[in-house]
N, C-alpha and C. Protein backbone atom coordinates (compact mmCIF):
# COMPACT_ATOMS: atom_id res chain seq x y z
N MET A 1 -10.59 -13.40 -22.48
CA MET A 1 -11.72 -12.49 -22.38
C MET A 1 -11.24 -11.05 -22.57
N GLU A 2 -11.98 -10.26 -23.30
CA GLU A 2 -11.61 -8.88 -23.53
C GLU A 2 -11.72 -8.07 -22.24
N ALA A 3 -10.76 -7.15 -22.05
CA ALA A 3 -10.74 -6.34 -20.83
C ALA A 3 -12.04 -5.57 -20.65
N THR A 4 -12.63 -5.11 -21.76
CA THR A 4 -13.85 -4.31 -21.68
C THR A 4 -15.03 -5.11 -21.15
N HIS A 5 -14.93 -6.45 -21.20
CA HIS A 5 -16.02 -7.29 -20.72
C HIS A 5 -15.75 -7.82 -19.32
N ASN A 6 -14.64 -7.45 -18.76
CA ASN A 6 -14.29 -7.90 -17.43
C ASN A 6 -13.98 -6.68 -16.57
N PRO A 7 -14.81 -6.40 -15.58
CA PRO A 7 -14.62 -5.15 -14.81
C PRO A 7 -13.28 -5.07 -14.09
N VAL A 8 -12.75 -6.20 -13.64
CA VAL A 8 -11.46 -6.18 -12.95
C VAL A 8 -10.34 -5.80 -13.92
N LEU A 9 -10.34 -6.44 -15.09
CA LEU A 9 -9.32 -6.11 -16.09
C LEU A 9 -9.48 -4.68 -16.58
N GLN A 10 -10.73 -4.21 -16.65
CA GLN A 10 -10.97 -2.84 -17.09
C GLN A 10 -10.36 -1.85 -16.10
N VAL A 11 -10.56 -2.10 -14.82
CA VAL A 11 -9.98 -1.23 -13.79
C VAL A 11 -8.46 -1.20 -13.92
N MET A 12 -7.86 -2.36 -14.12
CA MET A 12 -6.40 -2.44 -14.24
C MET A 12 -5.90 -1.66 -15.45
N ASN A 13 -6.63 -1.77 -16.54
CA ASN A 13 -6.23 -1.06 -17.76
C ASN A 13 -6.49 0.44 -17.67
N ASP A 14 -7.49 0.82 -16.90
CA ASP A 14 -7.85 2.24 -16.79
C ASP A 14 -6.99 2.99 -15.77
N ARG A 15 -6.37 2.27 -14.86
CA ARG A 15 -5.58 2.94 -13.82
C ARG A 15 -4.30 3.54 -14.41
N HIS A 16 -4.15 4.83 -14.26
CA HIS A 16 -2.93 5.54 -14.66
C HIS A 16 -2.61 6.55 -13.57
N SER A 17 -1.36 6.95 -13.49
CA SER A 17 -0.95 7.92 -12.47
C SER A 17 -1.44 9.31 -12.83
N VAL A 18 -2.22 9.90 -11.93
CA VAL A 18 -2.78 11.24 -12.11
C VAL A 18 -2.10 12.18 -11.12
N ARG A 19 -1.65 13.31 -11.63
CA ARG A 19 -0.92 14.26 -10.78
C ARG A 19 -1.66 15.59 -10.58
N ALA A 20 -2.78 15.76 -11.29
CA ALA A 20 -3.57 16.99 -11.16
C ALA A 20 -4.97 16.61 -10.68
N TYR A 21 -5.37 17.12 -9.51
CA TYR A 21 -6.63 16.74 -8.90
C TYR A 21 -7.57 17.93 -8.73
N GLU A 22 -8.86 17.64 -8.61
CA GLU A 22 -9.86 18.66 -8.30
C GLU A 22 -9.73 19.02 -6.83
N LYS A 23 -9.13 20.15 -6.57
CA LYS A 23 -8.94 20.56 -5.18
C LYS A 23 -10.29 20.81 -4.52
N GLY A 24 -10.44 20.33 -3.32
CA GLY A 24 -11.68 20.53 -2.59
C GLY A 24 -12.65 19.37 -2.70
N HIS A 25 -12.35 18.39 -3.57
CA HIS A 25 -13.25 17.23 -3.67
C HIS A 25 -13.09 16.38 -2.42
N VAL A 26 -14.18 16.18 -1.70
CA VAL A 26 -14.15 15.46 -0.42
C VAL A 26 -14.54 14.00 -0.62
N ILE A 27 -13.71 13.13 -0.11
CA ILE A 27 -14.04 11.71 -0.04
C ILE A 27 -14.34 11.41 1.42
N SER A 28 -15.51 10.88 1.69
CA SER A 28 -15.97 10.72 3.07
C SER A 28 -15.10 9.71 3.84
N ASP A 29 -15.12 9.86 5.15
CA ASP A 29 -14.40 8.92 6.00
C ASP A 29 -14.89 7.49 5.78
N ALA A 30 -16.19 7.34 5.54
CA ALA A 30 -16.74 6.01 5.32
C ALA A 30 -16.17 5.38 4.06
N GLU A 31 -16.04 6.19 3.00
CA GLU A 31 -15.46 5.67 1.76
C GLU A 31 -13.99 5.33 1.93
N ILE A 32 -13.28 6.19 2.66
CA ILE A 32 -11.86 5.91 2.90
C ILE A 32 -11.71 4.61 3.67
N GLU A 33 -12.53 4.43 4.68
CA GLU A 33 -12.48 3.20 5.48
C GLU A 33 -12.80 1.99 4.62
N GLU A 34 -13.80 2.14 3.73
CA GLU A 34 -14.16 1.04 2.84
C GLU A 34 -12.99 0.68 1.92
N MET A 35 -12.33 1.69 1.36
CA MET A 35 -11.19 1.44 0.48
C MET A 35 -10.06 0.73 1.23
N LEU A 36 -9.81 1.17 2.46
CA LEU A 36 -8.73 0.57 3.23
C LEU A 36 -9.08 -0.84 3.69
N ALA A 37 -10.36 -1.10 3.91
CA ALA A 37 -10.77 -2.46 4.28
C ALA A 37 -10.49 -3.43 3.15
N VAL A 38 -10.78 -3.00 1.91
CA VAL A 38 -10.49 -3.87 0.76
C VAL A 38 -8.99 -3.94 0.52
N THR A 39 -8.30 -2.81 0.70
CA THR A 39 -6.85 -2.80 0.57
C THR A 39 -6.21 -3.82 1.50
N SER A 40 -6.75 -3.94 2.69
CA SER A 40 -6.19 -4.85 3.69
C SER A 40 -6.42 -6.32 3.37
N GLN A 41 -7.16 -6.59 2.30
CA GLN A 41 -7.32 -7.96 1.84
C GLN A 41 -6.14 -8.40 0.96
N ALA A 42 -5.17 -7.52 0.75
CA ALA A 42 -3.99 -7.86 -0.04
C ALA A 42 -3.27 -9.05 0.61
N PRO A 43 -2.59 -9.85 -0.21
CA PRO A 43 -1.83 -10.97 0.37
C PRO A 43 -0.59 -10.47 1.10
N SER A 44 -0.10 -11.29 2.04
CA SER A 44 1.13 -10.94 2.74
C SER A 44 1.81 -12.22 3.20
N SER A 45 3.12 -12.15 3.33
CA SER A 45 3.89 -13.31 3.79
C SER A 45 3.39 -13.76 5.16
N TRP A 46 3.08 -15.04 5.26
CA TRP A 46 2.57 -15.64 6.50
C TRP A 46 1.30 -14.95 7.01
N ASN A 47 0.66 -14.17 6.19
CA ASN A 47 -0.52 -13.39 6.59
C ASN A 47 -0.23 -12.46 7.76
N LEU A 48 0.99 -11.92 7.81
CA LEU A 48 1.37 -11.03 8.91
C LEU A 48 0.91 -9.60 8.69
N GLN A 49 0.47 -9.28 7.47
CA GLN A 49 -0.14 -7.98 7.18
C GLN A 49 0.80 -6.83 7.58
N HIS A 50 1.92 -6.79 6.86
CA HIS A 50 3.04 -5.89 7.19
C HIS A 50 2.78 -4.45 6.77
N TRP A 51 1.66 -3.86 7.10
CA TRP A 51 1.37 -2.51 6.64
C TRP A 51 0.64 -1.70 7.70
N LYS A 52 0.81 -0.41 7.57
CA LYS A 52 0.06 0.58 8.36
C LYS A 52 -0.15 1.76 7.43
N PHE A 53 -1.32 2.40 7.53
CA PHE A 53 -1.65 3.49 6.61
C PHE A 53 -1.77 4.80 7.37
N LEU A 54 -0.90 5.74 7.04
CA LEU A 54 -0.97 7.08 7.60
C LEU A 54 -1.76 7.95 6.62
N ILE A 55 -2.94 8.41 7.03
CA ILE A 55 -3.82 9.18 6.16
C ILE A 55 -3.59 10.67 6.39
N ILE A 56 -3.24 11.37 5.32
CA ILE A 56 -3.02 12.81 5.38
C ILE A 56 -4.21 13.48 4.67
N LYS A 57 -5.10 14.13 5.45
CA LYS A 57 -6.29 14.70 4.79
C LYS A 57 -6.63 16.12 5.23
N SER A 58 -6.20 16.55 6.41
CA SER A 58 -6.47 17.93 6.81
C SER A 58 -5.55 18.87 6.04
N GLU A 59 -5.98 20.12 5.89
CA GLU A 59 -5.15 21.09 5.16
C GLU A 59 -3.82 21.29 5.88
N GLU A 60 -3.86 21.30 7.20
CA GLU A 60 -2.63 21.47 7.97
C GLU A 60 -1.65 20.33 7.72
N ALA A 61 -2.16 19.10 7.72
CA ALA A 61 -1.30 17.93 7.49
C ALA A 61 -0.77 17.92 6.05
N LYS A 62 -1.63 18.34 5.10
CA LYS A 62 -1.18 18.40 3.71
C LYS A 62 -0.04 19.40 3.53
N GLN A 63 -0.16 20.54 4.17
CA GLN A 63 0.89 21.56 4.07
C GLN A 63 2.18 21.07 4.73
N LYS A 64 2.04 20.29 5.77
CA LYS A 64 3.21 19.71 6.42
C LYS A 64 3.88 18.68 5.51
N MET A 65 3.04 17.96 4.76
CA MET A 65 3.55 16.91 3.87
C MET A 65 4.18 17.49 2.60
N LEU A 66 3.75 18.67 2.20
CA LEU A 66 4.17 19.24 0.91
C LEU A 66 5.70 19.31 0.76
N PRO A 67 6.44 19.92 1.66
CA PRO A 67 7.90 19.94 1.48
C PRO A 67 8.54 18.56 1.61
N ILE A 68 7.92 17.69 2.40
CA ILE A 68 8.44 16.32 2.55
C ILE A 68 8.36 15.58 1.22
N ALA A 69 7.31 15.90 0.43
CA ALA A 69 7.14 15.31 -0.90
C ALA A 69 7.76 16.19 -1.98
N TYR A 70 8.74 17.00 -1.58
CA TYR A 70 9.48 17.86 -2.50
C TYR A 70 8.55 18.77 -3.30
N ASN A 71 7.56 19.31 -2.57
CA ASN A 71 6.65 20.33 -3.10
C ASN A 71 5.84 19.87 -4.32
N GLN A 72 5.47 18.62 -4.32
CA GLN A 72 4.57 18.12 -5.37
C GLN A 72 3.14 18.54 -5.00
N GLN A 73 2.58 19.41 -5.79
CA GLN A 73 1.29 20.04 -5.48
C GLN A 73 0.16 19.02 -5.31
N GLN A 74 0.31 17.87 -5.89
CA GLN A 74 -0.75 16.86 -5.80
C GLN A 74 -1.06 16.44 -4.36
N VAL A 75 -0.10 16.53 -3.46
CA VAL A 75 -0.39 16.13 -2.08
C VAL A 75 -1.29 17.13 -1.38
N VAL A 76 -1.37 18.34 -1.92
CA VAL A 76 -2.26 19.36 -1.37
C VAL A 76 -3.61 19.34 -2.07
N ASP A 77 -3.61 19.13 -3.38
CA ASP A 77 -4.84 19.21 -4.16
C ASP A 77 -5.68 17.93 -4.11
N SER A 78 -5.05 16.80 -3.86
CA SER A 78 -5.80 15.53 -3.81
C SER A 78 -6.73 15.51 -2.60
N SER A 79 -7.70 14.62 -2.63
CA SER A 79 -8.64 14.51 -1.51
C SER A 79 -7.92 14.07 -0.24
N PHE A 80 -7.03 13.13 -0.38
CA PHE A 80 -6.19 12.72 0.74
C PHE A 80 -4.96 12.00 0.19
N THR A 81 -3.98 11.89 1.05
CA THR A 81 -2.75 11.20 0.70
C THR A 81 -2.52 10.09 1.72
N VAL A 82 -2.05 8.96 1.24
CA VAL A 82 -1.74 7.83 2.12
C VAL A 82 -0.23 7.61 2.13
N VAL A 83 0.34 7.61 3.31
CA VAL A 83 1.73 7.15 3.45
C VAL A 83 1.65 5.68 3.83
N VAL A 84 2.08 4.82 2.91
CA VAL A 84 2.06 3.38 3.16
C VAL A 84 3.32 3.02 3.94
N LEU A 85 3.12 2.48 5.13
CA LEU A 85 4.23 2.13 6.01
C LEU A 85 4.40 0.61 6.06
N GLY A 86 5.63 0.17 6.04
CA GLY A 86 5.93 -1.25 6.19
C GLY A 86 6.29 -1.56 7.63
N ASP A 87 5.81 -2.66 8.13
CA ASP A 87 6.02 -3.06 9.52
C ASP A 87 7.31 -3.86 9.64
N LEU A 88 8.30 -3.28 10.31
CA LEU A 88 9.59 -3.95 10.49
C LEU A 88 9.54 -5.02 11.58
N GLU A 89 8.46 -5.05 12.32
CA GLU A 89 8.31 -6.03 13.40
C GLU A 89 7.04 -6.85 13.21
N ALA A 90 6.76 -7.16 11.95
CA ALA A 90 5.53 -7.90 11.65
C ALA A 90 5.52 -9.30 12.24
N ASP A 91 6.70 -9.82 12.57
CA ASP A 91 6.75 -11.14 13.20
C ASP A 91 5.98 -11.15 14.53
N LYS A 92 5.85 -9.97 15.14
CA LYS A 92 5.11 -9.88 16.40
C LYS A 92 3.61 -10.08 16.19
N ASN A 93 3.17 -10.04 14.94
CA ASN A 93 1.75 -10.26 14.64
C ASN A 93 1.40 -11.74 14.60
N ALA A 94 2.41 -12.60 14.58
CA ALA A 94 2.17 -14.03 14.34
C ALA A 94 1.27 -14.65 15.40
N GLU A 95 1.52 -14.35 16.66
CA GLU A 95 0.75 -14.95 17.74
C GLU A 95 -0.73 -14.60 17.59
N ARG A 96 -1.03 -13.35 17.27
CA ARG A 96 -2.42 -12.95 17.11
C ARG A 96 -3.05 -13.60 15.88
N VAL A 97 -2.33 -13.54 14.74
CA VAL A 97 -2.88 -14.06 13.49
C VAL A 97 -3.21 -15.54 13.62
N TYR A 98 -2.27 -16.32 14.16
CA TYR A 98 -2.49 -17.76 14.22
C TYR A 98 -3.30 -18.16 15.45
N GLY A 99 -3.29 -17.31 16.48
CA GLY A 99 -4.18 -17.56 17.61
C GLY A 99 -5.63 -17.46 17.17
N GLU A 100 -5.92 -16.46 16.33
CA GLU A 100 -7.29 -16.32 15.81
C GLU A 100 -7.65 -17.49 14.90
N ALA A 101 -6.65 -18.00 14.17
CA ALA A 101 -6.92 -19.16 13.31
C ALA A 101 -7.27 -20.39 14.13
N VAL A 102 -6.62 -20.54 15.27
CA VAL A 102 -6.93 -21.65 16.17
C VAL A 102 -8.35 -21.48 16.72
N GLU A 103 -8.67 -20.27 17.18
CA GLU A 103 -10.00 -20.00 17.73
C GLU A 103 -11.09 -20.25 16.70
N SER A 104 -10.78 -20.01 15.44
CA SER A 104 -11.78 -20.21 14.37
C SER A 104 -11.83 -21.65 13.89
N GLY A 105 -10.95 -22.50 14.40
CA GLY A 105 -10.96 -23.90 14.02
C GLY A 105 -10.24 -24.22 12.74
N PHE A 106 -9.42 -23.27 12.24
CA PHE A 106 -8.71 -23.49 10.99
C PHE A 106 -7.42 -24.29 11.19
N MET A 107 -6.91 -24.32 12.41
CA MET A 107 -5.71 -25.10 12.70
C MET A 107 -5.69 -25.41 14.19
N ASN A 108 -4.85 -26.37 14.57
CA ASN A 108 -4.75 -26.69 15.99
C ASN A 108 -3.56 -25.96 16.61
N GLU A 109 -3.46 -26.06 17.93
CA GLU A 109 -2.43 -25.33 18.67
C GLU A 109 -1.02 -25.76 18.25
N GLU A 110 -0.85 -27.04 17.95
CA GLU A 110 0.47 -27.54 17.57
C GLU A 110 0.95 -26.91 16.26
N VAL A 111 0.05 -26.86 15.28
CA VAL A 111 0.41 -26.25 14.00
C VAL A 111 0.70 -24.77 14.19
N LYS A 112 -0.12 -24.10 15.00
CA LYS A 112 0.11 -22.68 15.28
C LYS A 112 1.49 -22.45 15.87
N ASN A 113 1.84 -23.23 16.86
CA ASN A 113 3.13 -23.06 17.52
C ASN A 113 4.29 -23.30 16.55
N THR A 114 4.12 -24.26 15.67
CA THR A 114 5.15 -24.55 14.67
C THR A 114 5.33 -23.36 13.73
N LEU A 115 4.23 -22.79 13.25
CA LEU A 115 4.29 -21.65 12.34
C LEU A 115 4.90 -20.43 13.01
N VAL A 116 4.48 -20.16 14.24
CA VAL A 116 5.02 -19.01 14.96
C VAL A 116 6.52 -19.17 15.17
N SER A 117 6.93 -20.38 15.49
CA SER A 117 8.36 -20.65 15.68
C SER A 117 9.13 -20.47 14.39
N GLN A 118 8.56 -20.91 13.27
CA GLN A 118 9.21 -20.75 11.97
C GLN A 118 9.38 -19.28 11.62
N ILE A 119 8.35 -18.49 11.89
CA ILE A 119 8.41 -17.05 11.59
C ILE A 119 9.47 -16.37 12.44
N LYS A 120 9.48 -16.67 13.73
CA LYS A 120 10.49 -16.08 14.62
C LYS A 120 11.89 -16.47 14.15
N GLY A 121 12.04 -17.72 13.74
CA GLY A 121 13.34 -18.18 13.27
C GLY A 121 13.77 -17.49 12.00
N ALA A 122 12.82 -17.28 11.09
CA ALA A 122 13.13 -16.61 9.83
C ALA A 122 13.57 -15.17 10.08
N TYR A 123 12.87 -14.48 10.97
CA TYR A 123 13.22 -13.09 11.26
C TYR A 123 14.56 -12.98 11.98
N ALA A 124 14.90 -14.01 12.75
CA ALA A 124 16.17 -13.98 13.48
C ALA A 124 17.35 -14.40 12.62
N SER A 125 17.06 -15.05 11.49
CA SER A 125 18.13 -15.64 10.68
C SER A 125 18.84 -14.66 9.76
N SER A 126 18.21 -13.52 9.48
CA SER A 126 18.79 -12.59 8.52
C SER A 126 18.62 -11.15 8.98
N PRO A 127 19.64 -10.33 8.85
CA PRO A 127 19.53 -8.93 9.26
C PRO A 127 18.69 -8.08 8.31
N THR A 128 18.38 -8.62 7.13
CA THR A 128 17.65 -7.84 6.12
C THR A 128 16.21 -8.28 5.94
N ILE A 129 15.82 -9.41 6.53
CA ILE A 129 14.49 -9.95 6.22
C ILE A 129 13.37 -9.03 6.69
N ALA A 130 13.53 -8.38 7.83
CA ALA A 130 12.47 -7.51 8.33
C ALA A 130 12.20 -6.37 7.36
N ARG A 131 13.27 -5.74 6.88
CA ARG A 131 13.12 -4.64 5.92
C ARG A 131 12.59 -5.14 4.58
N ASP A 132 13.14 -6.25 4.11
CA ASP A 132 12.70 -6.80 2.82
C ASP A 132 11.21 -7.13 2.84
N GLU A 133 10.79 -7.78 3.91
CA GLU A 133 9.38 -8.18 4.01
C GLU A 133 8.47 -6.96 4.19
N ALA A 134 8.94 -5.96 4.92
CA ALA A 134 8.14 -4.75 5.12
C ALA A 134 7.88 -4.06 3.79
N ILE A 135 8.93 -3.93 2.98
CA ILE A 135 8.79 -3.25 1.69
C ILE A 135 7.96 -4.09 0.72
N LEU A 136 8.26 -5.38 0.66
CA LEU A 136 7.54 -6.28 -0.26
C LEU A 136 6.04 -6.27 0.00
N ASN A 137 5.65 -6.48 1.24
CA ASN A 137 4.24 -6.65 1.54
C ASN A 137 3.47 -5.34 1.59
N ALA A 138 4.12 -4.27 2.03
CA ALA A 138 3.47 -2.96 1.98
C ALA A 138 3.22 -2.55 0.53
N SER A 139 4.11 -2.95 -0.36
CA SER A 139 3.93 -2.63 -1.78
C SER A 139 2.75 -3.37 -2.38
N LEU A 140 2.51 -4.59 -1.93
CA LEU A 140 1.32 -5.32 -2.39
C LEU A 140 0.06 -4.57 -1.96
N ALA A 141 0.05 -4.08 -0.73
CA ALA A 141 -1.11 -3.31 -0.26
C ALA A 141 -1.26 -2.01 -1.03
N ALA A 142 -0.14 -1.37 -1.36
CA ALA A 142 -0.18 -0.11 -2.10
C ALA A 142 -0.83 -0.31 -3.47
N MET A 143 -0.48 -1.36 -4.17
CA MET A 143 -1.09 -1.63 -5.47
C MET A 143 -2.58 -1.92 -5.32
N GLN A 144 -2.92 -2.67 -4.28
CA GLN A 144 -4.33 -2.97 -4.04
C GLN A 144 -5.13 -1.68 -3.82
N LEU A 145 -4.55 -0.75 -3.05
CA LEU A 145 -5.23 0.51 -2.78
C LEU A 145 -5.49 1.28 -4.06
N MET A 146 -4.52 1.33 -4.95
CA MET A 146 -4.70 2.07 -6.20
C MET A 146 -5.78 1.46 -7.07
N LEU A 147 -5.87 0.14 -7.07
CA LEU A 147 -6.91 -0.53 -7.86
C LEU A 147 -8.29 -0.33 -7.23
N VAL A 148 -8.35 -0.40 -5.91
CA VAL A 148 -9.63 -0.18 -5.22
C VAL A 148 -10.13 1.24 -5.49
N ALA A 149 -9.23 2.20 -5.38
CA ALA A 149 -9.62 3.59 -5.62
C ALA A 149 -10.15 3.77 -7.04
N LYS A 150 -9.49 3.18 -8.01
CA LYS A 150 -9.94 3.29 -9.40
C LYS A 150 -11.30 2.64 -9.58
N ALA A 151 -11.50 1.52 -8.94
CA ALA A 151 -12.79 0.82 -9.04
C ALA A 151 -13.93 1.67 -8.48
N LYS A 152 -13.60 2.57 -7.54
CA LYS A 152 -14.61 3.44 -6.95
C LYS A 152 -14.71 4.79 -7.67
N GLY A 153 -13.97 4.93 -8.76
CA GLY A 153 -14.08 6.13 -9.57
C GLY A 153 -13.08 7.22 -9.23
N TYR A 154 -12.06 6.88 -8.44
CA TYR A 154 -11.04 7.86 -8.06
C TYR A 154 -9.73 7.56 -8.77
N ASP A 155 -8.84 8.52 -8.71
CA ASP A 155 -7.53 8.35 -9.34
C ASP A 155 -6.44 8.45 -8.29
N THR A 156 -5.27 7.94 -8.64
CA THR A 156 -4.17 7.88 -7.68
C THR A 156 -2.84 8.14 -8.38
N CYS A 157 -1.84 8.37 -7.56
CA CYS A 157 -0.47 8.45 -8.06
C CYS A 157 0.48 7.96 -6.98
N PRO A 158 1.28 6.94 -7.27
CA PRO A 158 2.27 6.50 -6.30
C PRO A 158 3.50 7.41 -6.35
N ILE A 159 4.01 7.77 -5.20
CA ILE A 159 5.18 8.65 -5.11
C ILE A 159 6.26 7.95 -4.29
N GLY A 160 7.39 7.71 -4.93
CA GLY A 160 8.53 7.14 -4.21
C GLY A 160 9.51 8.21 -3.78
N GLY A 161 9.41 9.38 -4.43
CA GLY A 161 10.34 10.47 -4.14
C GLY A 161 9.83 11.36 -3.03
N PHE A 162 10.18 11.04 -1.81
CA PHE A 162 9.84 11.88 -0.66
C PHE A 162 10.87 11.62 0.42
N ASP A 163 10.99 12.54 1.35
CA ASP A 163 11.99 12.44 2.41
C ASP A 163 11.44 11.55 3.53
N LYS A 164 11.89 10.32 3.53
CA LYS A 164 11.33 9.34 4.46
C LYS A 164 11.65 9.66 5.91
N GLN A 165 12.84 10.15 6.17
CA GLN A 165 13.20 10.48 7.54
C GLN A 165 12.39 11.68 8.05
N GLN A 166 12.23 12.67 7.19
CA GLN A 166 11.42 13.82 7.58
C GLN A 166 9.96 13.44 7.78
N CYS A 167 9.49 12.51 6.97
CA CYS A 167 8.11 12.02 7.12
C CYS A 167 7.93 11.39 8.49
N LYS A 168 8.85 10.56 8.89
CA LYS A 168 8.78 9.92 10.20
C LYS A 168 8.79 10.96 11.32
N LYS A 169 9.67 11.93 11.17
CA LYS A 169 9.81 12.95 12.21
C LYS A 169 8.57 13.84 12.29
N ALA A 170 8.08 14.30 11.14
CA ALA A 170 6.97 15.25 11.11
C ALA A 170 5.68 14.63 11.63
N PHE A 171 5.49 13.33 11.38
CA PHE A 171 4.22 12.70 11.76
C PHE A 171 4.38 11.69 12.90
N ASN A 172 5.52 11.78 13.59
CA ASN A 172 5.76 10.95 14.78
C ASN A 172 5.58 9.45 14.50
N VAL A 173 6.09 9.00 13.36
CA VAL A 173 5.98 7.59 13.00
C VAL A 173 6.94 6.77 13.87
N PRO A 174 6.44 5.77 14.57
CA PRO A 174 7.31 4.95 15.42
C PRO A 174 8.39 4.24 14.60
N ASP A 175 9.51 3.92 15.25
CA ASP A 175 10.62 3.26 14.55
C ASP A 175 10.22 1.90 13.99
N ARG A 176 9.16 1.34 14.51
CA ARG A 176 8.69 0.04 14.01
C ARG A 176 8.29 0.11 12.54
N TYR A 177 7.92 1.30 12.06
CA TYR A 177 7.35 1.42 10.71
C TYR A 177 8.29 2.17 9.76
N LEU A 178 8.37 1.66 8.55
CA LEU A 178 9.23 2.19 7.51
C LEU A 178 8.37 2.83 6.42
N PRO A 179 8.51 4.13 6.15
CA PRO A 179 7.77 4.72 5.03
C PRO A 179 8.21 4.08 3.71
N VAL A 180 7.27 3.51 2.99
CA VAL A 180 7.58 2.80 1.75
C VAL A 180 7.15 3.59 0.52
N MET A 181 5.96 4.18 0.59
CA MET A 181 5.40 4.83 -0.58
C MET A 181 4.35 5.84 -0.15
N VAL A 182 4.20 6.88 -0.95
CA VAL A 182 3.12 7.86 -0.76
C VAL A 182 2.17 7.71 -1.93
N ILE A 183 0.87 7.70 -1.65
CA ILE A 183 -0.13 7.59 -2.71
C ILE A 183 -1.15 8.71 -2.55
N THR A 184 -1.30 9.54 -3.58
CA THR A 184 -2.34 10.56 -3.57
C THR A 184 -3.61 9.96 -4.15
N VAL A 185 -4.76 10.39 -3.61
CA VAL A 185 -6.06 9.86 -4.02
C VAL A 185 -7.03 11.02 -4.21
N GLY A 186 -7.76 11.03 -5.32
CA GLY A 186 -8.75 12.08 -5.54
C GLY A 186 -9.40 11.98 -6.89
N LYS A 187 -10.09 13.07 -7.27
CA LYS A 187 -10.74 13.17 -8.58
C LYS A 187 -9.80 13.89 -9.54
N ALA A 188 -9.54 13.28 -10.67
CA ALA A 188 -8.62 13.86 -11.64
C ALA A 188 -9.17 15.18 -12.19
N ALA A 189 -8.31 16.20 -12.20
CA ALA A 189 -8.66 17.46 -12.86
C ALA A 189 -8.19 17.45 -14.30
N LYS A 190 -7.25 16.59 -14.57
CA LYS A 190 -6.71 16.44 -15.92
C LYS A 190 -6.33 14.98 -16.10
N ALA A 191 -6.70 14.42 -17.23
CA ALA A 191 -6.44 13.01 -17.48
C ALA A 191 -4.94 12.74 -17.49
N ALA A 192 -4.58 11.55 -17.07
CA ALA A 192 -3.18 11.15 -17.10
C ALA A 192 -2.70 11.08 -18.55
N HIS A 193 -1.46 11.48 -18.76
CA HIS A 193 -0.92 11.38 -20.12
C HIS A 193 -0.58 9.93 -20.43
N ALA A 194 -0.66 9.59 -21.69
CA ALA A 194 -0.39 8.22 -22.11
C ALA A 194 1.07 7.86 -21.84
N SER A 195 1.30 6.64 -21.47
CA SER A 195 2.67 6.16 -21.26
C SER A 195 2.85 4.82 -21.95
N SER A 196 4.03 4.61 -22.49
CA SER A 196 4.28 3.38 -23.23
C SER A 196 4.67 2.26 -22.28
N ARG A 197 4.55 1.05 -22.75
CA ARG A 197 4.97 -0.12 -21.98
C ARG A 197 5.79 -1.03 -22.90
N PHE A 198 6.77 -1.70 -22.32
CA PHE A 198 7.54 -2.66 -23.09
C PHE A 198 6.63 -3.80 -23.53
N LEU A 199 6.96 -4.41 -24.64
CA LEU A 199 6.22 -5.58 -25.10
C LEU A 199 6.40 -6.73 -24.11
N VAL A 200 5.39 -7.58 -24.02
CA VAL A 200 5.48 -8.74 -23.15
C VAL A 200 6.73 -9.57 -23.48
N SER A 201 7.02 -9.70 -24.76
CA SER A 201 8.19 -10.48 -25.19
C SER A 201 9.51 -9.88 -24.67
N GLU A 202 9.51 -8.58 -24.39
CA GLU A 202 10.72 -7.93 -23.91
C GLU A 202 10.92 -8.09 -22.41
N VAL A 203 9.87 -8.41 -21.69
CA VAL A 203 9.98 -8.50 -20.23
C VAL A 203 9.76 -9.92 -19.70
N THR A 204 9.70 -10.88 -20.63
CA THR A 204 9.38 -12.25 -20.24
C THR A 204 10.49 -13.20 -20.65
N VAL A 205 10.82 -14.09 -19.74
CA VAL A 205 11.77 -15.17 -20.01
C VAL A 205 11.09 -16.48 -19.62
N ILE A 206 11.05 -17.43 -20.50
CA ILE A 206 10.41 -18.73 -20.22
C ILE A 206 11.46 -19.73 -19.75
N ASP A 207 11.25 -20.27 -18.58
CA ASP A 207 12.06 -21.33 -17.97
C ASP A 207 13.45 -20.88 -17.52
N ALA A 208 14.24 -20.24 -18.38
CA ALA A 208 15.58 -19.81 -17.97
C ALA A 208 16.13 -18.79 -18.97
N PHE A 209 17.08 -17.98 -18.53
CA PHE A 209 17.76 -17.06 -19.45
C PHE A 209 18.68 -17.84 -20.37
């Protein structure tokens, strides 16, 4: 099916990184909440939902964020900025997630206990799994947010270049959370410049190298 005839594919094709925004364009709290509600539908390992969203929208907070983002003006001019945080202790969510599944009749207590035990075991088995899972799953949510914003007529830009330690310190981020990505959201003042992509044949391997 042609992308132009499929709204989901159209959104994916239309999304580009925008760095110049209409300063002063306000996105309501209700719209932000709606975008984050859909963002939170992103998939996650064991459905542990390894993300937390720090919303930077006041002028004071934006000015605080500006040097942390190495003075990228977009964090000031955009309607708001999201610091996507990965949860390093997402295994602690297991009891709640699967307890609710039991209450809803989706599984029994025995299955729940088995899954919770498996998750605890996985997190205890490797010193890197908590960080790996936090980054992996928060990144899935970050992509979802950018697509949701585009579907609602807004533009975004993911930023990996920012001082993560200063971000934690400036905004009192608990040690449980790892800053993964910054995403600016707003109305584009200037269209994103075209960017090339490798051919599918260049990035694809069938069955084995």
